[in-house]
Amino acid sequence: MHMHKLNWKDKIRYLRFIASGLEHIHDNELIHRDLHIGNILHDGYIYITDMGLCKPADYNASENTKNVYGILPYIAPEILRGQNYTKAADIYSFGIIMYEVISG
C-alpha cells in the first residue's frame, strides 16, 4: 500500500485498524516483538502478520539469551539496552508505523 496516496481520513482509519489489531494481540496477553510496516497487509481489511516472534506477555527472556529481534528503527530503546520485550515495546513500534503512515 502506498501511504502517500491515502487521504487523511483513510490514514487515520488505517492506523485505527492497526491499533485495534495490536490491542487484540495484547488483550490475549501476547507481545508481537516484530511489528513494522512490512508486517501490515491490506486488502480492504488490515492484517497484522508474521506472528513468528510473538511470545506470551509474561515471557522472561532472561531465562534465555537476550537477543534483539525486529527491524532497527522499530525497536524500542529499552530493548536495545537489553531489557525484555513488553507491550510497551510493541506500542513504540506502532508509533513508528504512525509516523510512516502520516508522513507518507
C-alpha atoms as a PDB file:
ATOM      1  CA  MET A   1       0.000   0.000   0.000  1.00  0.00           C
ATOM      2  CA  HIS A   2       1.295   3.441  -0.903  1.00  0.00           C
ATOM      3  CA  MET A   3       0.828   5.750   2.066  1.00  0.00           C
ATOM      4  CA  HIS A   4       1.348   8.919   0.042  1.00  0.00           C
ATOM      5  CA  LYS A   5      -1.780   8.094  -1.979  1.00  0.00           C
ATOM      6  CA  LEU A   6      -4.049   7.942   1.085  1.00  0.00           C
ATOM      7  CA  ASN A   7      -6.080  10.941   2.187  1.00  0.00           C
ATOM      8  CA  TRP A   8      -6.061  11.930   5.868  1.00  0.00           C
ATOM      9  CA  LYS A   9      -9.334  10.181   6.617  1.00  0.00           C
ATOM     10  CA  ASP A  10      -8.004   6.897   5.212  1.00  0.00           C
ATOM     11  CA  LYS A  11      -4.675   7.285   7.030  1.00  0.00           C
ATOM     12  CA  ILE A  12      -6.481   7.681  10.360  1.00  0.00           C
ATOM     13  CA  ARG A  13      -8.775   4.747   9.577  1.00  0.00           C
ATOM     14  CA  TYR A  14      -5.778   2.609   8.597  1.00  0.00           C
ATOM     15  CA  LEU A  15      -3.994   3.452  11.873  1.00  0.00           C
ATOM     16  CA  ARG A  16      -7.130   2.809  13.903  1.00  0.00           C
ATOM     17  CA  PHE A  17      -7.393  -0.707  12.443  1.00  0.00           C
ATOM     18  CA  ILE A  18      -3.726  -1.418  13.176  1.00  0.00           C
ATOM     19  CA  ALA A  19      -4.210  -0.180  16.755  1.00  0.00           C
ATOM     20  CA  SER A  20      -7.271  -2.390  17.108  1.00  0.00           C
ATOM     21  CA  GLY A  21      -5.325  -5.414  15.865  1.00  0.00           C
ATOM     22  CA  LEU A  22      -2.477  -4.696  18.266  1.00  0.00           C
ATOM     23  CA  GLU A  23      -4.988  -4.279  21.089  1.00  0.00           C
ATOM     24  CA  HIS A  24      -6.397  -7.721  20.239  1.00  0.00           C
ATOM     25  CA  ILE A  25      -2.899  -9.229  20.386  1.00  0.00           C
ATOM     26  CA  HIS A  26      -2.241  -7.573  23.756  1.00  0.00           C
ATOM     27  CA  ASP A  27      -5.682  -8.499  25.135  1.00  0.00           C
ATOM     28  CA  ASN A  28      -4.652 -12.109  24.543  1.00  0.00           C
ATOM     29  CA  GLU A  29      -1.555 -11.439  26.683  1.00  0.00           C
ATOM     30  CA  LEU A  30       0.831 -11.692  23.741  1.00  0.00           C
ATOM     31  CA  ILE A  31       3.644  -9.445  22.526  1.00  0.00           C
ATOM     32  CA  HIS A  32       4.269  -9.269  18.770  1.00  0.00           C
ATOM     33  CA  ARG A  33       8.001  -8.354  19.067  1.00  0.00           C
ATOM     34  CA  ASP A  34       8.424  -7.664  15.317  1.00  0.00           C
ATOM     35  CA  LEU A  35       5.815  -5.045  14.487  1.00  0.00           C
ATOM     36  CA  HIS A  36       6.731  -2.945  11.448  1.00  0.00           C
ATOM     37  CA  ILE A  37       5.060  -1.598   8.317  1.00  0.00           C
ATOM     38  CA  GLY A  38       6.171  -4.647   6.316  1.00  0.00           C
ATOM     39  CA  ASN A  39       4.082  -6.862   8.596  1.00  0.00           C
ATOM     40  CA  ILE A  40       0.894  -4.910   7.902  1.00  0.00           C
ATOM     41  CA  LEU A  41      -1.186  -6.211   4.999  1.00  0.00           C
ATOM     42  CA  HIS A  42      -4.176  -4.511   3.411  1.00  0.00           C
ATOM     43  CA  ASP A  43      -6.833  -5.890   1.065  1.00  0.00           C
ATOM     44  CA  GLY A  44      -9.774  -3.826   2.213  1.00  0.00           C
ATOM     45  CA  TYR A  45      -9.087  -5.099   5.728  1.00  0.00           C
ATOM     46  CA  ILE A  46      -5.947  -4.563   7.770  1.00  0.00           C
ATOM     47  CA  TYR A  47      -3.954  -7.580   8.956  1.00  0.00           C
ATOM     48  CA  ILE A  48      -1.007  -7.735  11.341  1.00  0.00           C
ATOM     49  CA  THR A  49       1.099 -10.630  10.101  1.00  0.00           C
ATOM     50  CA  ASP A  50       4.295 -12.516  10.933  1.00  0.00           C
ATOM     51  CA  MET A  51       3.491 -13.699  14.418  1.00  0.00           C
ATOM     52  CA  GLY A  52       6.570 -15.941  14.376  1.00  0.00           C
ATOM     53  CA  LEU A  53       8.377 -13.981  17.096  1.00  0.00           C
ATOM     54  CA  CYS A  54       5.231 -13.500  19.175  1.00  0.00           C
ATOM     55  CA  LYS A  55       5.573 -14.548  22.832  1.00  0.00           C
ATOM     56  CA  PRO A  56       3.348 -14.508  25.921  1.00  0.00           C
ATOM     57  CA  ALA A  57       3.431 -11.174  27.756  1.00  0.00           C
ATOM     58  CA  ASP A  58       4.889 -12.879  30.840  1.00  0.00           C
ATOM     59  CA  TYR A  59       7.737 -14.452  28.832  1.00  0.00           C
ATOM     60  CA  ASN A  60      11.031 -13.930  30.659  1.00  0.00           C
ATOM     61  CA  ALA A  61      13.840 -13.576  28.166  1.00  0.00           C
ATOM     62  CA  SER A  62      16.414 -13.610  30.974  1.00  0.00           C
ATOM     63  CA  GLU A  63      15.895 -17.368  31.100  1.00  0.00           C
ATOM     64  CA  ASN A  64      17.186 -17.448  27.528  1.00  0.00           C
ATOM     65  CA  THR A  65      19.654 -15.358  25.579  1.00  0.00           C
ATOM     66  CA  LYS A  66      18.856 -11.652  25.348  1.00  0.00           C
ATOM     67  CA  ASN A  67      18.571 -11.414  21.594  1.00  0.00           C
ATOM     68  CA  VAL A  68      17.175  -8.359  19.853  1.00  0.00           C
ATOM     69  CA  TYR A  69      14.555  -9.153  17.229  1.00  0.00           C
ATOM     70  CA  GLY A  70      12.996  -6.936  14.607  1.00  0.00           C
ATOM     71  CA  ILE A  71      13.911  -4.119  12.271  1.00  0.00           C
ATOM     72  CA  LEU A  72      16.107  -1.497  13.930  1.00  0.00           C
ATOM     73  CA  PRO A  73      14.011   1.686  13.517  1.00  0.00           C
ATOM     74  CA  TYR A  74      11.021  -0.108  15.073  1.00  0.00           C
ATOM     75  CA  ILE A  75      12.863  -1.486  18.102  1.00  0.00           C
ATOM     76  CA  ALA A  76      12.183   0.367  21.355  1.00  0.00           C
ATOM     77  CA  PRO A  77      15.260   1.888  23.054  1.00  0.00           C
ATOM     78  CA  GLU A  78      14.821  -0.241  26.182  1.00  0.00           C
ATOM     79  CA  ILE A  79      15.122  -3.392  24.064  1.00  0.00           C
ATOM     80  CA  LEU A  80      18.410  -2.124  22.642  1.00  0.00           C
ATOM     81  CA  ARG A  81      19.561  -1.618  26.259  1.00  0.00           C
ATOM     82  CA  GLY A  82      18.952  -5.317  26.973  1.00  0.00           C
ATOM     83  CA  GLN A  83      15.569  -5.187  28.687  1.00  0.00           C
ATOM     84  CA  ASN A  84      12.789  -7.681  27.992  1.00  0.00           C
ATOM     85  CA  TYR A  85      10.178  -7.120  25.309  1.00  0.00           C
ATOM     86  CA  THR A  86       6.917  -5.734  26.679  1.00  0.00           C
ATOM     87  CA  LYS A  87       3.614  -4.490  25.328  1.00  0.00           C
ATOM     88  CA  ALA A  88       5.142  -1.007  25.570  1.00  0.00           C
ATOM     89  CA  ALA A  89       7.817  -2.040  23.059  1.00  0.00           C
ATOM     90  CA  ASP A  90       5.058  -3.024  20.608  1.00  0.00           C
ATOM     91  CA  ILE A  91       3.421   0.362  21.164  1.00  0.00           C
ATOM     92  CA  TYR A  92       6.735   2.083  20.390  1.00  0.00           C
ATOM     93  CA  SER A  93       6.814   0.135  17.105  1.00  0.00           C
ATOM     94  CA  PHE A  94       3.254   1.256  16.400  1.00  0.00           C
ATOM     95  CA  GLY A  95       4.395   4.852  16.953  1.00  0.00           C
ATOM     96  CA  ILE A  96       6.982   4.440  14.200  1.00  0.00           C
ATOM     97  CA  ILE A  97       4.278   2.984  11.938  1.00  0.00           C
ATOM     98  CA  MET A  98       2.090   6.010  12.747  1.00  0.00           C
ATOM     99  CA  TYR A  99       4.919   8.335  11.712  1.00  0.00           C
ATOM    100  CA  GLU A 100       5.412   6.472   8.432  1.00  0.00           C
ATOM    101  CA  VAL A 101       1.705   6.480   7.583  1.00  0.00           C
ATOM    102  CA  ILE A 102       1.239  10.159   8.431  1.00  0.00           C
ATOM    103  CA  SER A 103       4.387  11.334   6.657  1.00  0.00           C
ATOM    104  CA  GLY A 104       3.550   9.267   3.584  1.00  0.00           C
END
